[in-house]
Amino acid sequence: MRGSGRGWGRFFGRRYNRRVDFIEPDEIFLDSSNLPAFDRDQFEGHLERPLGKRALVFFGMGCLAIALVFLYKVWDLQITHGQDYVAQSENNRLDHTLIFADRGVIYDRRGEKLAWNERTDQYADFAQRVYRPSEGFGHVLGYVTYPLKDRAGFYFQESFLGKDGVEKIFDAQLQGKNGLKIVETNALAVVESESTFERPESGGDLRLTIDAGVQERLYELIKERANDSGFTGGAGIIMDVETGDILAMTSYPEYSPELLSGGTATTVEAYTKDSGKPFLNRAVSGLYTPGSIIKPFIAAAALEEGIISPTKQILSTGALTIANPYNPGAVSVIKDWKAHGYVDLRHALAVSSNVYFFQIGGGFKDQKGLGITNIEKYTRLFGFGSPVQFDLAPNPAGTIPTPAWKKELFDDEWRLGDTYNTAIGQYGFQVTPLQAVRGIAALANGGVLVTPSLVTDDPVVREQIDISQGTLSIVREGMRMAVTEQNGTARGLMMSDVAVAGKTGTAEIGAAKAHVNAWAVGFFPYEKPKYAFVILMERGPVQNLVGGIFVMRRLLDWMAVERPYYLKGESNPPPGTLSSDVN
């Protein structure tokens, strides 16, 4: 027993000495099968071990990496890009707003406004472009497009843009310079303060040579005549023969500048599909067969070339019969518009005898003709066949028929009958009303081609034609007789208020010759020419006998009351008669 006791004592003693205050878990044996309701989650029979050193090391390294990334981002924000972000934060606080400049005002020669600016509720940021409410100014004034925003509300077009007419030609002058306003807001988008950083500068004003009243009335008369007599359109120009200043220039039909300015695609499409071609500026871009208005220039050529004396008479029986060189025994008959009897050059112009001009143009029997080469030479001297230096609209050169032109176009030879028809402004002849009024002005002013102008105080551009004053004087006398003679074709322009010289033209068009262009050209006052005019009524029925002369007579009657100073050959109204003054 003692030995056993000693043995147990030694056993417990050894254990005690070795582990005095701690018992290793793995030295404890638990018979889990003998425990009732054994639950491992409550550690009955489950051995828990502490975390190892490796896990602690990885955890520490992860925390260090996160700290390093955080420190790098702080450095990037505060040091590397600090100033950039400061500027951006200031921009978030300061809103830059455009202050749109007003476009320059357009006035007529009398100081009446033709285009200006008005503030409306429709456009909050800028003034609306407003045009004179009268008709007749569309093609001269043109129109603009307004500043444009993108879907986010930012302006990608920051100014008005002139799209046609003087709005386009003088866009740089009419444009203003936008200003800038800075608005300071807080984080809640509440305005703290605002100030103008740069003030807007209005565009420069523009004063035109146009008289608004004359132009308005001219358009009304052309429109009325077209609608009453079945013409598809018309155009009219009055020009100062000394300076080239345009007193009136209009084209019917036209577009509305106000509808197109800031208009929609639907508005443009409607105009585009209009059969009346309202976008065509007939006065500048329209090409038309001139007919008999070309005869004064053929008369001048014949006198200069010594083809005929001004007093020699030619018999017009109503037709010219010539032998056909390609078919012996056969003849060709070219008709006059009526039988005029014996006429000299002045009377031939007055009554517009075709037979007379057939003979001096192409020759007949013992009467020598100019020939197509001289016809081309002299008509070109007066500006036909070349574009006019004028930027308002496309300015075509027109056509003077020649053998080369016919060969290229029809692959055919030139014949005498072609020369005859060219001499009376038919066949392939095509001119613009602007060319016609410029040529007439040269006849009136002593042979000087002036460049048309729409802006007052523009320098006058002149080109002297090599032609004698005696020749021009005789032609002017014939044009005056067209008004004063009882059977003169321009008899309708005979007035007591002013002496007018004129010439008509009725150009047959189309294969069936069922339609005509009706022209009236001339100048006034006859004694000292100041203004040249052209009226074109486009494509009317051949039976109609009322055209350009009727329009011009009614306009002169109106001017005799409302603008008498023009009929006296004055450029400007007397002092104190202006309806308004340009500021």
Foldseek 3Di string as FASTA:
>chain_A
DVVVVVVVVVVVVVVCVVPVDDDDPVVDDDPLVPDPPDDVVVPRVHDDDDDDPVVVVVVVVVVVVVVVVVVVVVCCCCPVCVVVVVVVVVCVFKDKDKQAAWFAWEAEQLGHTAWGWADDPVDDRGTAIDGDPFPFCPLAQAAWAAFDADPVGHTPRRWIAGDAHPCHVCVVQRGKAMWMKMFGADPVRHTPDIDTPGHIGGGHYFYWHEDVVLRRLLQVLQVVCCVVFVFLWKWKWKAFLPFQGTHYTGIPPADDRNCPHNHDPVSVVVCVPDPSNRVDRQQAANKDQFFQLCQLLLLQLLVQVVLDDQPAWDFFQFWDWAADPVDGPDIDIGGWPHGDGIDGSLQCQQLVTLVVLLCQQLNDDPRHHPYLVSSVVRLVLLPAQQFAPDDNDDHDRWDQDDQVVCCVPPVDGDDSVVRSQSSRRADRGIDGNVSSQQSQSCLQQQAKRWHHGTGPPDGIDIDGGPGDSVSSVSSQSSQLSLCVPPSGLLVLQDDPLARKGKGWGWYQDDPVSQWTKIKMWTFDRSVRTTMIMIMIRHTGGPPDPDGDSVSVNVSVVVCVPVPSVVRVNDSDDDPPPRPDNHD
